[in-house]
Amino acid sequence: MMGAKERTAAIEDRSIGLGIVTRGGRRHRTGSRTGAGLLRHAAWMLLGCCAVGGCMDSTSSLLAKYRSATCIPFSRGPGHERHWEMTIPLRDGSKAVVGAAAWAGGMAVVTYPPAKQEYVAARPGDYIYPVDLRIDPQNDVLYVAATGLAGGVWEQTWLFAFDLKERRQIARRKIRYKDLPADCPSPGTGQ
C-alpha cells in the first residue's frame, strides 16, 4: 500500500507524463506513458482514422485536385439561385445523376439509375450552400464547394470530395473562401 508521500510522487510523475510510479522508494514504469506506449497508441489512432474515414488528402492537395477538375454547369432558378442536374458517365460505363441546389438545406445528392439509389455527396449544414460543383472524370470524383453563414452567424466554406464509383464521401475540409478558384461560369452567360 502506498503512503501519502509515495502517492504524491506518483501523481507528480504522471502529471509530467513520465509514466513512472514510486513505490517503496523504487521507481516503476507504468507502461501507459512510455515512449513506446505513446508511439504504439499514435500508430493505432492513425490506423483507426484511416480505417474509418480513409486516409484523406491534405487541404492543399484537395484544393489542387478541385482546381483542376471540370466545371459542372449550373442553371438559375426563379429566385436566381443556382441548381445543378447533370448525368455523369463513369469510367465503367455506368452513370450517376448529380443534383444540388444553393438554397436553405441545400446539399449535393448523387442518384444511380436504374435502381435510383441515392447518396448524399455533400451536406454542408444550415445556411451553407453549394456554390460550385466539379468533376474529375479520370478518377470519377465529384467535388462540391459550399459557403455561407453557419447558424446564420459565422462565415464558413467547405470543400467535399465524393467517390462516384465507391459511392462514398472521401474528403470534407473546412477551408478559406479566398483559397477557392473563381466559380464556374453559368452556361451561355459567361458569369
N, C-alpha and C. Protein backbone atom coordinates (compact mmCIF):
# COMPACT_ATOMS: atom_id res chain seq x y z
N MET A 1 0.84 -1.18 0.00
CA MET A 1 0.00 0.00 0.00
C MET A 1 0.89 1.24 0.00
N MET A 2 0.49 2.25 -0.77
CA MET A 2 1.27 3.48 -0.89
C MET A 2 0.93 4.44 0.23
N GLY A 3 1.98 5.10 0.72
CA GLY A 3 1.78 6.15 1.71
C GLY A 3 1.51 7.47 1.01
N ALA A 4 1.22 8.52 1.77
CA ALA A 4 0.90 9.84 1.22
C ALA A 4 2.06 10.38 0.40
N LYS A 5 3.30 10.20 0.89
CA LYS A 5 4.47 10.70 0.19
C LYS A 5 4.63 9.99 -1.15
N GLU A 6 4.42 8.67 -1.17
CA GLU A 6 4.56 7.91 -2.41
C GLU A 6 3.46 8.26 -3.40
N ARG A 7 2.23 8.47 -2.91
CA ARG A 7 1.13 8.86 -3.81
C ARG A 7 1.43 10.22 -4.44
N THR A 8 1.95 11.14 -3.67
CA THR A 8 2.31 12.46 -4.20
C THR A 8 3.36 12.33 -5.28
N ALA A 9 4.40 11.51 -5.06
CA ALA A 9 5.44 11.30 -6.07
C ALA A 9 4.85 10.69 -7.33
N ALA A 10 3.93 9.75 -7.17
CA ALA A 10 3.30 9.11 -8.34
C ALA A 10 2.49 10.12 -9.13
N ILE A 11 1.73 10.96 -8.43
CA ILE A 11 0.92 11.97 -9.11
C ILE A 11 1.80 12.95 -9.84
N GLU A 12 2.88 13.42 -9.19
CA GLU A 12 3.78 14.37 -9.82
C GLU A 12 4.42 13.76 -11.07
N ASP A 13 4.87 12.52 -10.99
CA ASP A 13 5.49 11.88 -12.14
C ASP A 13 4.50 11.73 -13.29
N ARG A 14 3.27 11.35 -13.00
CA ARG A 14 2.27 11.19 -14.05
C ARG A 14 1.91 12.52 -14.68
N SER A 15 1.87 13.59 -13.89
CA SER A 15 1.46 14.89 -14.41
C SER A 15 2.44 15.42 -15.45
N ILE A 16 3.69 14.99 -15.39
CA ILE A 16 4.64 15.42 -16.41
C ILE A 16 4.83 14.35 -17.47
N GLY A 17 4.00 13.29 -17.40
CA GLY A 17 3.98 12.30 -18.46
C GLY A 17 5.13 11.32 -18.46
N LEU A 18 5.76 11.08 -17.31
CA LEU A 18 6.89 10.16 -17.29
C LEU A 18 6.45 8.71 -17.29
N GLY A 19 5.26 8.43 -16.78
CA GLY A 19 4.80 7.06 -16.72
C GLY A 19 5.57 6.24 -15.70
N ILE A 20 6.04 6.90 -14.67
CA ILE A 20 6.84 6.22 -13.64
C ILE A 20 6.16 6.44 -12.30
N VAL A 21 5.99 5.38 -11.53
CA VAL A 21 5.38 5.46 -10.21
C VAL A 21 6.41 5.05 -9.18
N THR A 22 6.47 5.79 -8.07
CA THR A 22 7.40 5.47 -6.99
C THR A 22 6.66 4.63 -5.96
N ARG A 23 7.20 3.45 -5.66
CA ARG A 23 6.61 2.59 -4.63
C ARG A 23 7.74 2.09 -3.75
N GLY A 24 7.62 2.33 -2.47
CA GLY A 24 8.62 1.84 -1.52
C GLY A 24 10.02 2.32 -1.84
N GLY A 25 10.12 3.56 -2.33
CA GLY A 25 11.44 4.11 -2.63
C GLY A 25 11.98 3.67 -3.98
N ARG A 26 11.26 2.81 -4.68
CA ARG A 26 11.72 2.34 -6.00
C ARG A 26 10.80 2.91 -7.09
N ARG A 27 11.38 3.20 -8.22
CA ARG A 27 10.60 3.75 -9.33
C ARG A 27 10.23 2.62 -10.29
N HIS A 28 8.98 2.59 -10.73
CA HIS A 28 8.48 1.57 -11.64
C HIS A 28 7.79 2.24 -12.82
N ARG A 29 8.03 1.69 -14.01
CA ARG A 29 7.32 2.18 -15.20
C ARG A 29 5.91 1.64 -15.18
N THR A 30 4.96 2.49 -15.58
CA THR A 30 3.57 2.05 -15.64
C THR A 30 3.26 1.45 -17.01
N GLY A 31 4.02 1.81 -18.02
CA GLY A 31 3.79 1.30 -19.37
C GLY A 31 2.76 2.10 -20.14
N SER A 32 1.96 2.89 -19.44
CA SER A 32 0.91 3.63 -20.13
C SER A 32 1.42 4.90 -20.81
N ARG A 33 2.52 5.43 -20.34
CA ARG A 33 3.01 6.67 -20.93
C ARG A 33 4.48 6.58 -21.34
N THR A 34 4.96 5.41 -21.55
CA THR A 34 6.34 5.28 -22.00
C THR A 34 6.43 5.72 -23.45
N GLY A 35 7.59 6.00 -23.93
CA GLY A 35 7.78 6.40 -25.32
C GLY A 35 7.23 5.37 -26.28
N ALA A 36 7.50 4.09 -26.03
CA ALA A 36 7.00 3.02 -26.89
C ALA A 36 5.47 2.94 -26.81
N GLY A 37 4.93 3.17 -25.60
CA GLY A 37 3.48 3.13 -25.42
C GLY A 37 2.79 4.26 -26.18
N LEU A 38 3.39 5.47 -26.13
CA LEU A 38 2.82 6.60 -26.87
C LEU A 38 2.90 6.37 -28.37
N LEU A 39 4.02 5.84 -28.84
CA LEU A 39 4.18 5.55 -30.26
C LEU A 39 3.17 4.50 -30.71
N ARG A 40 3.01 3.46 -29.92
CA ARG A 40 2.04 2.41 -30.24
C ARG A 40 0.62 2.99 -30.27
N HIS A 41 0.29 3.84 -29.30
CA HIS A 41 -1.02 4.47 -29.23
C HIS A 41 -1.25 5.35 -30.48
N ALA A 42 -0.26 6.14 -30.84
CA ALA A 42 -0.38 7.01 -32.02
C ALA A 42 -0.57 6.18 -33.29
N ALA A 43 0.15 5.07 -33.41
CA ALA A 43 0.02 4.22 -34.59
C ALA A 43 -1.38 3.62 -34.68
N TRP A 44 -1.93 3.19 -33.55
CA TRP A 44 -3.29 2.63 -33.55
C TRP A 44 -4.32 3.71 -33.89
N MET A 45 -4.12 4.93 -33.39
CA MET A 45 -5.04 6.02 -33.71
C MET A 45 -5.02 6.33 -35.20
N LEU A 46 -3.83 6.39 -35.79
CA LEU A 46 -3.70 6.66 -37.22
C LEU A 46 -4.36 5.55 -38.03
N LEU A 47 -4.11 4.32 -37.65
CA LEU A 47 -4.70 3.19 -38.35
C LEU A 47 -6.22 3.24 -38.22
N GLY A 48 -6.72 3.55 -37.05
CA GLY A 48 -8.16 3.65 -36.84
C GLY A 48 -8.79 4.75 -37.67
N CYS A 49 -8.13 5.90 -37.75
CA CYS A 49 -8.66 7.01 -38.55
C CYS A 49 -8.69 6.64 -40.02
N CYS A 50 -7.66 5.97 -40.50
CA CYS A 50 -7.62 5.56 -41.90
C CYS A 50 -8.70 4.54 -42.20
N ALA A 51 -8.96 3.63 -41.27
CA ALA A 51 -9.97 2.59 -41.48
C ALA A 51 -11.37 3.19 -41.49
N VAL A 52 -11.64 4.15 -40.62
CA VAL A 52 -12.98 4.71 -40.50
C VAL A 52 -13.24 5.74 -41.60
N GLY A 53 -12.34 6.70 -41.78
CA GLY A 53 -12.61 7.78 -42.71
C GLY A 53 -11.73 7.78 -43.94
N GLY A 54 -10.87 6.81 -44.07
CA GLY A 54 -9.94 6.80 -45.18
C GLY A 54 -8.83 7.79 -44.92
N CYS A 55 -7.64 7.49 -45.33
CA CYS A 55 -6.53 8.43 -45.18
C CYS A 55 -6.73 9.52 -46.23
N MET A 56 -7.16 10.68 -45.78
CA MET A 56 -7.56 11.72 -46.70
C MET A 56 -6.39 12.62 -47.07
N ASP A 57 -6.60 13.28 -48.21
CA ASP A 57 -5.61 14.21 -48.71
C ASP A 57 -5.50 15.41 -47.79
N SER A 58 -4.38 16.09 -47.88
CA SER A 58 -4.25 17.34 -47.15
C SER A 58 -5.14 18.37 -47.83
N THR A 59 -5.41 19.46 -47.15
CA THR A 59 -6.27 20.50 -47.69
C THR A 59 -5.70 21.07 -48.98
N SER A 60 -4.39 21.31 -49.03
CA SER A 60 -3.80 21.88 -50.24
C SER A 60 -3.89 20.91 -51.41
N SER A 61 -3.72 19.63 -51.16
CA SER A 61 -3.86 18.62 -52.22
C SER A 61 -5.30 18.56 -52.71
N LEU A 62 -6.25 18.62 -51.79
CA LEU A 62 -7.66 18.59 -52.16
C LEU A 62 -8.02 19.82 -53.00
N LEU A 63 -7.53 20.98 -52.60
CA LEU A 63 -7.78 22.21 -53.37
C LEU A 63 -7.17 22.12 -54.77
N ALA A 64 -5.98 21.56 -54.88
CA ALA A 64 -5.33 21.42 -56.19
C ALA A 64 -6.15 20.51 -57.10
N LYS A 65 -6.66 19.42 -56.56
CA LYS A 65 -7.48 18.50 -57.36
C LYS A 65 -8.79 19.17 -57.77
N TYR A 66 -9.36 19.94 -56.86
CA TYR A 66 -10.60 20.67 -57.16
C TYR A 66 -10.37 21.68 -58.28
N ARG A 67 -9.28 22.43 -58.19
CA ARG A 67 -8.96 23.44 -59.22
C ARG A 67 -8.83 22.82 -60.61
N SER A 68 -8.25 21.63 -60.67
CA SER A 68 -8.00 21.01 -61.99
C SER A 68 -9.21 20.22 -62.51
N ALA A 69 -10.26 20.08 -61.71
CA ALA A 69 -11.45 19.34 -62.13
C ALA A 69 -12.29 20.17 -63.10
N THR A 70 -13.16 19.50 -63.85
CA THR A 70 -14.02 20.12 -64.85
C THR A 70 -15.29 20.66 -64.21
N CYS A 71 -15.66 21.87 -64.60
CA CYS A 71 -16.87 22.50 -64.07
C CYS A 71 -18.12 21.73 -64.49
N ILE A 72 -19.08 21.64 -63.58
CA ILE A 72 -20.41 21.13 -63.90
C ILE A 72 -21.29 22.36 -64.03
N PRO A 73 -21.88 22.57 -65.21
CA PRO A 73 -22.67 23.80 -65.41
C PRO A 73 -23.91 23.84 -64.51
N PHE A 74 -24.29 25.04 -64.12
CA PHE A 74 -25.48 25.22 -63.30
C PHE A 74 -26.52 26.02 -64.05
N SER A 75 -27.74 25.99 -63.55
CA SER A 75 -28.83 26.79 -64.08
C SER A 75 -29.27 27.74 -62.98
N ARG A 76 -29.98 28.77 -63.36
CA ARG A 76 -30.51 29.70 -62.37
C ARG A 76 -32.01 29.46 -62.24
N GLY A 77 -32.46 29.37 -60.99
CA GLY A 77 -33.88 29.17 -60.71
C GLY A 77 -34.62 30.50 -60.73
N PRO A 78 -35.91 30.47 -60.44
CA PRO A 78 -36.72 31.70 -60.45
C PRO A 78 -36.24 32.75 -59.45
N GLY A 79 -35.65 32.30 -58.35
CA GLY A 79 -35.12 33.25 -57.36
C GLY A 79 -33.65 33.56 -57.60
N HIS A 80 -33.15 33.24 -58.77
CA HIS A 80 -31.76 33.43 -59.18
C HIS A 80 -30.77 32.56 -58.43
N GLU A 81 -31.27 31.54 -57.70
CA GLU A 81 -30.36 30.61 -57.02
C GLU A 81 -29.82 29.61 -58.05
N ARG A 82 -28.67 29.08 -57.72
CA ARG A 82 -28.05 28.08 -58.59
C ARG A 82 -28.61 26.70 -58.28
N HIS A 83 -28.76 25.90 -59.34
CA HIS A 83 -29.07 24.49 -59.13
C HIS A 83 -28.42 23.68 -60.25
N TRP A 84 -28.10 22.45 -59.91
CA TRP A 84 -27.39 21.56 -60.81
C TRP A 84 -28.21 20.29 -61.00
N GLU A 85 -28.22 19.78 -62.21
CA GLU A 85 -28.84 18.49 -62.51
C GLU A 85 -28.12 17.99 -63.77
N MET A 86 -27.28 16.99 -63.60
CA MET A 86 -26.48 16.51 -64.74
C MET A 86 -26.19 15.03 -64.60
N THR A 87 -26.27 14.32 -65.73
CA THR A 87 -25.90 12.92 -65.76
C THR A 87 -24.41 12.82 -66.10
N ILE A 88 -23.68 12.10 -65.26
CA ILE A 88 -22.22 11.97 -65.42
C ILE A 88 -21.92 10.53 -65.84
N PRO A 89 -21.27 10.33 -67.00
CA PRO A 89 -20.85 8.97 -67.36
C PRO A 89 -19.61 8.58 -66.56
N LEU A 90 -19.61 7.39 -65.99
CA LEU A 90 -18.47 6.91 -65.22
C LEU A 90 -17.57 6.04 -66.10
N ARG A 91 -16.36 5.82 -65.65
CA ARG A 91 -15.38 5.06 -66.44
C ARG A 91 -15.81 3.63 -66.72
N ASP A 92 -16.61 3.03 -65.84
CA ASP A 92 -17.03 1.64 -66.05
C ASP A 92 -18.25 1.52 -66.96
N GLY A 93 -18.73 2.65 -67.51
CA GLY A 93 -19.87 2.64 -68.41
C GLY A 93 -21.19 2.94 -67.72
N SER A 94 -21.24 2.92 -66.41
CA SER A 94 -22.47 3.25 -65.69
C SER A 94 -22.62 4.77 -65.65
N LYS A 95 -23.72 5.23 -65.06
CA LYS A 95 -23.99 6.67 -64.99
C LYS A 95 -24.40 7.06 -63.58
N ALA A 96 -24.17 8.31 -63.26
CA ALA A 96 -24.60 8.89 -61.98
C ALA A 96 -25.25 10.23 -62.29
N VAL A 97 -26.36 10.52 -61.65
CA VAL A 97 -27.04 11.80 -61.82
C VAL A 97 -26.71 12.65 -60.60
N VAL A 98 -26.10 13.80 -60.85
CA VAL A 98 -25.70 14.71 -59.78
C VAL A 98 -26.72 15.84 -59.71
N GLY A 99 -27.23 16.07 -58.51
CA GLY A 99 -28.17 17.17 -58.29
C GLY A 99 -27.77 17.95 -57.06
N ALA A 100 -27.93 19.27 -57.13
CA ALA A 100 -27.61 20.12 -55.99
C ALA A 100 -28.39 21.42 -56.15
N ALA A 101 -28.52 22.13 -55.04
CA ALA A 101 -29.21 23.42 -55.07
C ALA A 101 -28.61 24.34 -54.03
N ALA A 102 -28.54 25.62 -54.38
CA ALA A 102 -27.99 26.63 -53.48
C ALA A 102 -29.13 27.34 -52.76
N TRP A 103 -29.80 26.63 -51.85
CA TRP A 103 -30.83 27.22 -51.00
C TRP A 103 -30.78 26.57 -49.63
N ALA A 104 -31.59 27.08 -48.72
CA ALA A 104 -31.58 26.58 -47.34
C ALA A 104 -31.70 25.07 -47.31
N GLY A 105 -30.80 24.43 -46.60
CA GLY A 105 -30.77 22.97 -46.54
C GLY A 105 -30.21 22.35 -47.80
N GLY A 106 -29.65 23.19 -48.67
CA GLY A 106 -29.11 22.70 -49.94
C GLY A 106 -27.98 21.71 -49.71
N MET A 107 -27.97 20.66 -50.52
CA MET A 107 -26.93 19.66 -50.45
C MET A 107 -26.73 19.10 -51.84
N ALA A 108 -25.69 18.32 -52.01
CA ALA A 108 -25.44 17.65 -53.29
C ALA A 108 -25.79 16.18 -53.11
N VAL A 109 -26.58 15.66 -54.04
CA VAL A 109 -27.05 14.28 -53.99
C VAL A 109 -26.68 13.59 -55.30
N VAL A 110 -26.29 12.33 -55.21
CA VAL A 110 -25.97 11.53 -56.38
C VAL A 110 -26.94 10.37 -56.44
N THR A 111 -27.59 10.19 -57.59
CA THR A 111 -28.53 9.10 -57.81
C THR A 111 -27.99 8.20 -58.91
N TYR A 112 -28.10 6.90 -58.69
CA TYR A 112 -27.61 5.92 -59.65
C TYR A 112 -28.78 5.19 -60.31
N PRO A 113 -29.02 5.47 -61.62
CA PRO A 113 -30.09 4.75 -62.30
C PRO A 113 -29.61 3.33 -62.64
N PRO A 114 -30.44 2.39 -62.91
CA PRO A 114 -31.90 2.46 -62.95
C PRO A 114 -32.53 2.22 -61.58
N ALA A 115 -31.77 1.76 -60.59
CA ALA A 115 -32.33 1.44 -59.27
C ALA A 115 -32.68 2.69 -58.47
N LYS A 116 -32.23 3.84 -58.92
CA LYS A 116 -32.48 5.12 -58.23
C LYS A 116 -31.94 5.14 -56.80
N GLN A 117 -30.79 4.49 -56.60
CA GLN A 117 -30.12 4.55 -55.29
C GLN A 117 -29.58 5.97 -55.12
N GLU A 118 -29.86 6.57 -53.98
CA GLU A 118 -29.48 7.96 -53.74
C GLU A 118 -28.48 8.06 -52.59
N TYR A 119 -27.44 8.87 -52.80
CA TYR A 119 -26.39 9.08 -51.80
C TYR A 119 -26.16 10.57 -51.63
N VAL A 120 -25.97 11.00 -50.40
CA VAL A 120 -25.64 12.40 -50.14
C VAL A 120 -24.14 12.58 -50.33
N ALA A 121 -23.77 13.38 -51.31
CA ALA A 121 -22.36 13.64 -51.59
C ALA A 121 -21.81 14.74 -50.69
N ALA A 122 -22.64 15.72 -50.37
CA ALA A 122 -22.21 16.83 -49.51
C ALA A 122 -23.42 17.41 -48.80
N ARG A 123 -23.33 17.48 -47.49
CA ARG A 123 -24.36 18.13 -46.67
C ARG A 123 -23.62 19.19 -45.85
N PRO A 124 -23.54 20.43 -46.40
CA PRO A 124 -22.73 21.46 -45.74
C PRO A 124 -23.28 21.98 -44.42
N GLY A 125 -24.57 21.93 -44.19
CA GLY A 125 -25.12 22.44 -42.93
C GLY A 125 -26.05 23.61 -43.18
N ASP A 126 -26.69 24.07 -42.11
CA ASP A 126 -27.65 25.17 -42.22
C ASP A 126 -26.99 26.44 -42.73
N TYR A 127 -27.64 27.06 -43.67
CA TYR A 127 -27.23 28.35 -44.24
C TYR A 127 -25.87 28.31 -44.94
N ILE A 128 -25.41 27.12 -45.25
CA ILE A 128 -24.18 26.96 -46.05
C ILE A 128 -24.62 26.22 -47.31
N TYR A 129 -24.40 26.83 -48.46
CA TYR A 129 -24.96 26.34 -49.71
C TYR A 129 -23.89 25.92 -50.70
N PRO A 130 -24.19 24.92 -51.54
CA PRO A 130 -23.26 24.61 -52.64
C PRO A 130 -23.14 25.82 -53.57
N VAL A 131 -21.92 26.16 -53.94
CA VAL A 131 -21.70 27.28 -54.85
C VAL A 131 -20.99 26.84 -56.13
N ASP A 132 -20.40 25.65 -56.11
CA ASP A 132 -19.63 25.21 -57.27
C ASP A 132 -19.49 23.69 -57.22
N LEU A 133 -19.74 23.02 -58.34
CA LEU A 133 -19.56 21.58 -58.46
C LEU A 133 -18.61 21.30 -59.61
N ARG A 134 -17.71 20.36 -59.38
CA ARG A 134 -16.74 19.98 -60.41
C ARG A 134 -16.57 18.48 -60.41
N ILE A 135 -16.11 17.96 -61.55
CA ILE A 135 -15.94 16.52 -61.70
C ILE A 135 -14.54 16.21 -62.21
N ASP A 136 -13.93 15.19 -61.67
CA ASP A 136 -12.67 14.65 -62.18
C ASP A 136 -13.04 13.35 -62.91
N PRO A 137 -13.22 13.39 -64.24
CA PRO A 137 -13.69 12.21 -64.97
C PRO A 137 -12.67 11.07 -65.02
N GLN A 138 -11.39 11.36 -64.86
CA GLN A 138 -10.39 10.30 -64.86
C GLN A 138 -10.44 9.45 -63.60
N ASN A 139 -10.92 10.02 -62.51
CA ASN A 139 -10.98 9.30 -61.23
C ASN A 139 -12.39 9.14 -60.69
N ASP A 140 -13.41 9.58 -61.44
CA ASP A 140 -14.80 9.50 -61.00
C ASP A 140 -15.00 10.12 -59.62
N VAL A 141 -14.49 11.35 -59.45
CA VAL A 141 -14.63 12.06 -58.18
C VAL A 141 -15.40 13.35 -58.41
N LEU A 142 -16.42 13.57 -57.59
CA LEU A 142 -17.21 14.80 -57.59
C LEU A 142 -16.70 15.71 -56.49
N TYR A 143 -16.50 16.99 -56.81
CA TYR A 143 -16.09 17.98 -55.82
C TYR A 143 -17.22 18.98 -55.65
N VAL A 144 -17.49 19.35 -54.40
CA VAL A 144 -18.53 20.32 -54.08
C VAL A 144 -17.94 21.38 -53.16
N ALA A 145 -18.02 22.64 -53.59
CA ALA A 145 -17.61 23.76 -52.73
C ALA A 145 -18.89 24.39 -52.20
N ALA A 146 -18.92 24.67 -50.90
CA ALA A 146 -20.11 25.26 -50.27
C ALA A 146 -19.67 26.36 -49.33
N THR A 147 -20.45 27.43 -49.30
CA THR A 147 -20.11 28.55 -48.43
C THR A 147 -21.39 29.21 -47.91
N GLY A 148 -21.27 29.90 -46.80
CA GLY A 148 -22.41 30.60 -46.22
C GLY A 148 -22.15 30.94 -44.77
N LEU A 149 -23.23 31.23 -44.06
CA LEU A 149 -23.14 31.61 -42.65
C LEU A 149 -23.64 30.46 -41.78
N ALA A 150 -22.73 29.76 -41.14
CA ALA A 150 -23.10 28.65 -40.26
C ALA A 150 -23.97 29.18 -39.13
N GLY A 151 -25.15 28.59 -38.96
CA GLY A 151 -26.07 29.05 -37.94
C GLY A 151 -26.53 30.48 -38.17
N GLY A 152 -26.32 30.99 -39.38
CA GLY A 152 -26.70 32.35 -39.71
C GLY A 152 -25.76 33.39 -39.14
N VAL A 153 -24.60 32.95 -38.60
CA VAL A 153 -23.71 33.87 -37.91
C VAL A 153 -22.28 33.84 -38.44
N TRP A 154 -21.65 32.65 -38.47
CA TRP A 154 -20.23 32.54 -38.77
C TRP A 154 -20.01 32.11 -40.21
N GLU A 155 -19.22 32.88 -40.92
CA GLU A 155 -18.92 32.54 -42.31
C GLU A 155 -18.03 31.30 -42.35
N GLN A 156 -18.47 30.32 -43.16
CA GLN A 156 -17.71 29.08 -43.33
C GLN A 156 -17.72 28.67 -44.79
N THR A 157 -16.63 28.03 -45.20
CA THR A 157 -16.54 27.46 -46.53
C THR A 157 -16.03 26.04 -46.39
N TRP A 158 -16.66 25.11 -47.10
CA TRP A 158 -16.32 23.70 -47.04
C TRP A 158 -16.05 23.18 -48.44
N LEU A 159 -15.15 22.21 -48.52
CA LEU A 159 -14.87 21.53 -49.78
C LEU A 159 -15.04 20.04 -49.53
N PHE A 160 -15.86 19.41 -50.36
CA PHE A 160 -16.17 17.98 -50.24
C PHE A 160 -15.67 17.25 -51.48
N ALA A 161 -15.30 15.99 -51.31
CA ALA A 161 -14.97 15.11 -52.43
C ALA A 161 -15.78 13.83 -52.24
N PHE A 162 -16.42 13.38 -53.32
CA PHE A 162 -17.26 12.18 -53.28
C PHE A 162 -16.81 11.24 -54.39
N ASP A 163 -16.44 10.01 -54.01
CA ASP A 163 -16.02 8.99 -54.98
C ASP A 163 -17.28 8.39 -55.61
N LEU A 164 -17.51 8.69 -56.88
CA LEU A 164 -18.72 8.24 -57.56
C LEU A 164 -18.74 6.73 -57.78
N LYS A 165 -17.58 6.12 -57.93
CA LYS A 165 -17.51 4.68 -58.13
C LYS A 165 -17.77 3.94 -56.81
N GLU A 166 -17.11 4.36 -55.74
CA GLU A 166 -17.26 3.72 -54.43
C GLU A 166 -18.51 4.18 -53.69
N ARG A 167 -19.13 5.26 -54.19
CA ARG A 167 -20.37 5.79 -53.62
C ARG A 167 -20.22 6.21 -52.16
N ARG A 168 -19.15 7.00 -51.92
CA ARG A 168 -18.93 7.47 -50.55
C ARG A 168 -18.13 8.77 -50.56
N GLN A 169 -18.36 9.57 -49.53
CA GLN A 169 -17.61 10.81 -49.36
C GLN A 169 -16.19 10.44 -48.94
N ILE A 170 -15.21 11.01 -49.61
CA ILE A 170 -13.81 10.69 -49.30
C ILE A 170 -13.06 11.86 -48.65
N ALA A 171 -13.66 13.05 -48.69
CA ALA A 171 -13.00 14.19 -48.04
C ALA A 171 -14.04 15.25 -47.71
N ARG A 172 -13.79 15.93 -46.61
CA ARG A 172 -14.59 17.07 -46.18
C ARG A 172 -13.65 17.98 -45.41
N ARG A 173 -13.40 19.16 -45.94
CA ARG A 173 -12.46 20.07 -45.31
C ARG A 173 -13.05 21.47 -45.18
N LYS A 174 -12.86 22.07 -44.04
CA LYS A 174 -13.18 23.48 -43.85
C LYS A 174 -12.00 24.26 -44.42
N ILE A 175 -12.29 25.19 -45.32
CA ILE A 175 -11.23 25.94 -45.99
C ILE A 175 -11.54 27.43 -45.93
N ARG A 176 -10.60 28.22 -46.42
CA ARG A 176 -10.83 29.66 -46.53
C ARG A 176 -11.44 29.95 -47.89
N TYR A 177 -12.46 30.77 -47.93
CA TYR A 177 -13.13 31.08 -49.20
C TYR A 177 -12.15 31.64 -50.22
N LYS A 178 -11.23 32.47 -49.76
CA LYS A 178 -10.28 33.09 -50.69
C LYS A 178 -9.35 32.08 -51.36
N ASP A 179 -9.27 30.85 -50.83
CA ASP A 179 -8.43 29.82 -51.45
C ASP A 179 -9.12 29.13 -52.62
N LEU A 180 -10.43 29.34 -52.78
CA LEU A 180 -11.14 28.74 -53.90
C LEU A 180 -10.82 29.48 -55.19
N PRO A 181 -10.78 28.76 -56.31
CA PRO A 181 -10.67 29.47 -57.59
C PRO A 181 -12.00 30.14 -57.90
N ALA A 182 -12.05 30.92 -58.96
CA ALA A 182 -13.30 31.57 -59.37
C ALA A 182 -14.35 30.48 -59.64
N ASP A 183 -15.61 30.82 -59.30
CA ASP A 183 -16.71 29.88 -59.56
C ASP A 183 -16.80 29.57 -61.05
N CYS A 184 -17.35 28.42 -61.34
CA CYS A 184 -17.60 28.05 -62.74
C CYS A 184 -18.64 29.01 -63.31
N PRO A 185 -18.50 29.38 -64.59
CA PRO A 185 -19.46 30.30 -65.18
C PRO A 185 -20.79 29.61 -65.48
N SER A 186 -21.84 30.39 -65.51
CA SER A 186 -23.15 29.89 -65.90
C SER A 186 -23.14 29.67 -67.41
N PRO A 187 -23.70 28.55 -67.90
CA PRO A 187 -23.68 28.30 -69.33
C PRO A 187 -24.38 29.42 -70.11
N GLY A 188 -23.72 29.84 -71.16
CA GLY A 188 -24.31 30.85 -72.05
C GLY A 188 -24.19 32.28 -71.57
N THR A 189 -23.79 32.50 -70.31
CA THR A 189 -23.70 33.88 -69.81
C THR A 189 -22.28 34.31 -69.57
N GLY A 190 -21.38 33.32 -69.34
CA GLY A 190 -20.00 33.67 -69.03
C GLY A 190 -19.85 34.20 -67.61
N GLN A 191 -20.92 34.11 -66.81
CA GLN A 191 -20.86 34.63 -65.43
C GLN A 191 -21.04 33.52 -64.44
